[in-house]
Amino acid sequence: MTTTFLTTEEVKELTDYCRPKDQRQWLIDNSWPFELSSKGAPKVLRQYMEKRLGAIASNKKTLNQPNRSALQGLINGSQTAN
């Protein structure tokens, strides 16, 4: 079972720092969003880490299809192509 946030050990592995203060600074310097626990430790969303490091493929699909109405307008000699 995976957790919502990275474990303490995983944050250490990600940042290479043991102290929460140093971990927070690394996350800030590298533009990683995080929240603070009640003890001041950074909490990083697992899903964000997986997406940022490429473990999760983007759901966004790129469609490389031509604008058929614009092409038809060019074929028919129309001056406007959208």
N, C-alpha and C. Protein backbone atom coordinates (compact mmCIF):
# COMPACT_ATOMS: atom_id res chain seq x y z
N MET A 1 0.84 -1.18 0.00
CA MET A 1 0.00 0.00 0.00
C MET A 1 0.88 1.24 0.00
N THR A 2 0.64 2.13 -0.93
CA THR A 2 1.41 3.37 -0.98
C THR A 2 0.70 4.47 -0.20
N THR A 3 1.50 5.37 0.33
CA THR A 3 0.95 6.48 1.10
C THR A 3 0.83 7.72 0.24
N THR A 4 0.05 8.67 0.71
CA THR A 4 -0.16 9.91 -0.02
C THR A 4 1.13 10.72 -0.10
N PHE A 5 1.88 10.72 1.00
CA PHE A 5 3.12 11.50 1.06
C PHE A 5 4.33 10.58 1.09
N LEU A 6 5.47 11.11 0.65
CA LEU A 6 6.72 10.37 0.77
C LEU A 6 7.02 10.13 2.24
N THR A 7 7.62 9.01 2.54
CA THR A 7 8.03 8.72 3.92
C THR A 7 9.23 9.60 4.27
N THR A 8 9.55 9.64 5.55
CA THR A 8 10.72 10.39 6.02
C THR A 8 11.98 9.91 5.31
N GLU A 9 12.10 8.62 5.16
CA GLU A 9 13.28 8.05 4.48
C GLU A 9 13.31 8.43 3.01
N GLU A 10 12.16 8.46 2.37
CA GLU A 10 12.12 8.82 0.95
C GLU A 10 12.47 10.29 0.74
N VAL A 11 12.06 11.16 1.65
CA VAL A 11 12.44 12.58 1.55
C VAL A 11 13.95 12.71 1.73
N LYS A 12 14.51 11.93 2.65
CA LYS A 12 15.97 11.93 2.83
C LYS A 12 16.66 11.47 1.55
N GLU A 13 16.14 10.42 0.94
CA GLU A 13 16.73 9.90 -0.30
C GLU A 13 16.62 10.91 -1.43
N LEU A 14 15.49 11.59 -1.53
CA LEU A 14 15.27 12.58 -2.58
C LEU A 14 16.23 13.76 -2.43
N THR A 15 16.37 14.27 -1.22
CA THR A 15 17.13 15.50 -0.99
C THR A 15 18.59 15.28 -0.62
N ASP A 16 18.92 14.09 -0.17
CA ASP A 16 20.26 13.78 0.36
C ASP A 16 20.56 14.52 1.65
N TYR A 17 19.51 14.96 2.35
CA TYR A 17 19.68 15.64 3.64
C TYR A 17 18.86 14.93 4.71
N CYS A 18 19.41 14.90 5.92
CA CYS A 18 18.73 14.28 7.05
C CYS A 18 17.89 15.27 7.84
N ARG A 19 18.37 16.50 7.97
CA ARG A 19 17.68 17.50 8.78
C ARG A 19 16.53 18.12 8.00
N PRO A 20 15.35 18.21 8.61
CA PRO A 20 14.20 18.81 7.92
C PRO A 20 14.47 20.22 7.39
N LYS A 21 15.25 21.01 8.12
CA LYS A 21 15.58 22.37 7.67
C LYS A 21 16.31 22.32 6.32
N ASP A 22 17.28 21.42 6.21
CA ASP A 22 18.04 21.28 4.96
C ASP A 22 17.16 20.69 3.85
N GLN A 23 16.29 19.77 4.21
CA GLN A 23 15.37 19.19 3.23
C GLN A 23 14.46 20.27 2.66
N ARG A 24 13.92 21.12 3.54
CA ARG A 24 13.04 22.20 3.08
C ARG A 24 13.78 23.13 2.12
N GLN A 25 15.01 23.47 2.46
CA GLN A 25 15.78 24.36 1.60
C GLN A 25 16.05 23.73 0.23
N TRP A 26 16.37 22.44 0.23
CA TRP A 26 16.60 21.75 -1.05
C TRP A 26 15.33 21.77 -1.89
N LEU A 27 14.19 21.48 -1.26
CA LEU A 27 12.92 21.47 -1.98
C LEU A 27 12.61 22.86 -2.55
N ILE A 28 12.85 23.90 -1.78
CA ILE A 28 12.63 25.27 -2.25
C ILE A 28 13.56 25.58 -3.42
N ASP A 29 14.84 25.27 -3.25
CA ASP A 29 15.83 25.56 -4.30
C ASP A 29 15.53 24.84 -5.60
N ASN A 30 14.89 23.68 -5.51
CA ASN A 30 14.60 22.88 -6.70
C ASN A 30 13.14 22.94 -7.13
N SER A 31 12.41 23.90 -6.58
CA SER A 31 11.02 24.19 -6.96
C SER A 31 10.08 22.99 -6.77
N TRP A 32 10.24 22.30 -5.67
CA TRP A 32 9.33 21.20 -5.33
C TRP A 32 8.30 21.72 -4.34
N PRO A 33 7.01 21.57 -4.64
CA PRO A 33 5.99 21.98 -3.67
C PRO A 33 5.94 21.02 -2.49
N PHE A 34 5.69 21.56 -1.31
CA PHE A 34 5.59 20.72 -0.12
C PHE A 34 4.78 21.45 0.93
N GLU A 35 4.31 20.71 1.88
CA GLU A 35 3.63 21.24 3.06
C GLU A 35 4.48 20.88 4.27
N LEU A 36 4.21 21.52 5.38
CA LEU A 36 4.95 21.21 6.60
C LEU A 36 4.09 20.40 7.55
N SER A 37 4.70 19.41 8.17
CA SER A 37 4.01 18.66 9.22
C SER A 37 3.99 19.53 10.48
N SER A 38 3.30 19.08 11.49
CA SER A 38 3.24 19.83 12.75
C SER A 38 4.61 19.91 13.42
N LYS A 39 5.52 19.04 13.01
CA LYS A 39 6.88 19.03 13.57
C LYS A 39 7.87 19.79 12.69
N GLY A 40 7.39 20.38 11.60
CA GLY A 40 8.27 21.15 10.72
C GLY A 40 8.94 20.35 9.63
N ALA A 41 8.60 19.09 9.50
CA ALA A 41 9.18 18.26 8.44
C ALA A 41 8.41 18.49 7.13
N PRO A 42 9.12 18.51 6.00
CA PRO A 42 8.43 18.69 4.72
C PRO A 42 7.65 17.44 4.33
N LYS A 43 6.47 17.67 3.77
CA LYS A 43 5.61 16.58 3.28
C LYS A 43 5.44 16.78 1.77
N VAL A 44 5.92 15.81 1.01
CA VAL A 44 5.89 15.87 -0.45
C VAL A 44 4.89 14.85 -0.96
N LEU A 45 4.01 15.28 -1.84
CA LEU A 45 3.03 14.35 -2.42
C LEU A 45 3.73 13.30 -3.27
N ARG A 46 3.42 12.05 -3.03
CA ARG A 46 3.99 10.95 -3.79
C ARG A 46 3.65 11.08 -5.28
N GLN A 47 2.41 11.44 -5.57
CA GLN A 47 1.97 11.56 -6.96
C GLN A 47 2.78 12.62 -7.70
N TYR A 48 3.09 13.73 -7.03
CA TYR A 48 3.89 14.77 -7.67
C TYR A 48 5.30 14.26 -7.96
N MET A 49 5.90 13.58 -7.00
CA MET A 49 7.23 13.03 -7.18
C MET A 49 7.26 12.05 -8.36
N GLU A 50 6.27 11.18 -8.42
CA GLU A 50 6.23 10.19 -9.50
C GLU A 50 6.06 10.87 -10.86
N LYS A 51 5.22 11.88 -10.91
CA LYS A 51 5.01 12.58 -12.18
C LYS A 51 6.25 13.35 -12.58
N ARG A 52 6.83 14.05 -11.64
CA ARG A 52 8.01 14.87 -11.94
C ARG A 52 9.20 14.03 -12.37
N LEU A 53 9.36 12.87 -11.77
CA LEU A 53 10.49 12.01 -12.12
C LEU A 53 10.17 11.03 -13.24
N GLY A 54 8.98 11.15 -13.82
CA GLY A 54 8.66 10.35 -15.00
C GLY A 54 8.08 8.99 -14.74
N ALA A 55 7.69 8.70 -13.51
CA ALA A 55 7.13 7.38 -13.21
C ALA A 55 5.68 7.27 -13.67
N ILE A 56 5.01 8.41 -13.82
CA ILE A 56 3.62 8.41 -14.27
C ILE A 56 3.57 9.14 -15.60
N ALA A 57 3.03 8.49 -16.60
CA ALA A 57 2.87 9.14 -17.90
C ALA A 57 1.74 10.15 -17.82
N SER A 58 1.91 11.22 -18.53
CA SER A 58 0.88 12.25 -18.56
C SER A 58 -0.37 11.72 -19.24
N ASN A 59 -1.53 12.10 -18.72
CA ASN A 59 -2.80 11.70 -19.34
C ASN A 59 -3.11 12.53 -20.57
N LYS A 60 -2.37 13.61 -20.75
CA LYS A 60 -2.60 14.51 -21.86
C LYS A 60 -2.10 13.85 -23.14
N LYS A 61 -2.94 13.78 -24.13
CA LYS A 61 -2.56 13.19 -25.40
C LYS A 61 -2.40 14.30 -26.43
N THR A 62 -1.31 14.28 -27.13
CA THR A 62 -1.05 15.26 -28.15
C THR A 62 -1.59 14.73 -29.46
N LEU A 63 -2.44 15.51 -30.07
CA LEU A 63 -3.00 15.13 -31.35
C LEU A 63 -2.31 15.95 -32.43
N ASN A 64 -1.64 15.28 -33.31
CA ASN A 64 -0.95 15.94 -34.41
C ASN A 64 -1.73 15.71 -35.70
N GLN A 65 -2.94 16.23 -35.71
CA GLN A 65 -3.77 16.08 -36.89
C GLN A 65 -3.90 17.43 -37.58
N PRO A 66 -3.97 17.42 -38.89
CA PRO A 66 -4.08 18.67 -39.61
C PRO A 66 -5.46 19.32 -39.40
N ASN A 67 -5.50 20.62 -39.55
CA ASN A 67 -6.74 21.37 -39.53
C ASN A 67 -7.37 21.18 -40.91
N ARG A 68 -8.28 20.23 -41.02
CA ARG A 68 -8.85 19.86 -42.32
C ARG A 68 -9.63 20.98 -42.98
N SER A 69 -10.34 21.77 -42.20
CA SER A 69 -11.11 22.86 -42.80
C SER A 69 -10.18 23.93 -43.37
N ALA A 70 -9.04 24.17 -42.72
CA ALA A 70 -8.08 25.14 -43.25
C ALA A 70 -7.46 24.62 -44.54
N LEU A 71 -7.13 23.33 -44.56
CA LEU A 71 -6.56 22.74 -45.78
C LEU A 71 -7.57 22.76 -46.93
N GLN A 72 -8.81 22.45 -46.63
CA GLN A 72 -9.84 22.47 -47.67
C GLN A 72 -10.01 23.88 -48.21
N GLY A 73 -9.93 24.88 -47.33
CA GLY A 73 -10.02 26.27 -47.77
C GLY A 73 -8.88 26.63 -48.70
N LEU A 74 -7.68 26.15 -48.41
CA LEU A 74 -6.55 26.42 -49.29
C LEU A 74 -6.72 25.73 -50.64
N ILE A 75 -7.23 24.51 -50.61
CA ILE A 75 -7.45 23.76 -51.84
C ILE A 75 -8.49 24.45 -52.71
N ASN A 76 -9.53 24.96 -52.06
CA ASN A 76 -10.62 25.61 -52.79
C ASN A 76 -10.29 27.06 -53.15
N GLY A 77 -9.12 27.56 -52.75
CA GLY A 77 -8.72 28.92 -53.09
C GLY A 77 -9.28 29.97 -52.16
N SER A 78 -9.76 29.57 -51.03
CA SER A 78 -10.29 30.52 -50.06
C SER A 78 -9.15 31.35 -49.50
N GLN A 79 -9.41 32.62 -49.23
CA GLN A 79 -8.40 33.52 -48.67
C GLN A 79 -8.24 33.36 -47.18
N THR A 80 -9.24 32.81 -46.51
CA THR A 80 -9.18 32.69 -45.04
C THR A 80 -8.98 31.23 -44.67
N ALA A 81 -7.98 31.03 -43.87
CA ALA A 81 -7.73 29.68 -43.33
C ALA A 81 -7.60 29.82 -41.83
N ASN A 82 -8.41 29.06 -41.08
CA ASN A 82 -8.39 29.16 -39.62
C ASN A 82 -7.34 28.29 -39.04
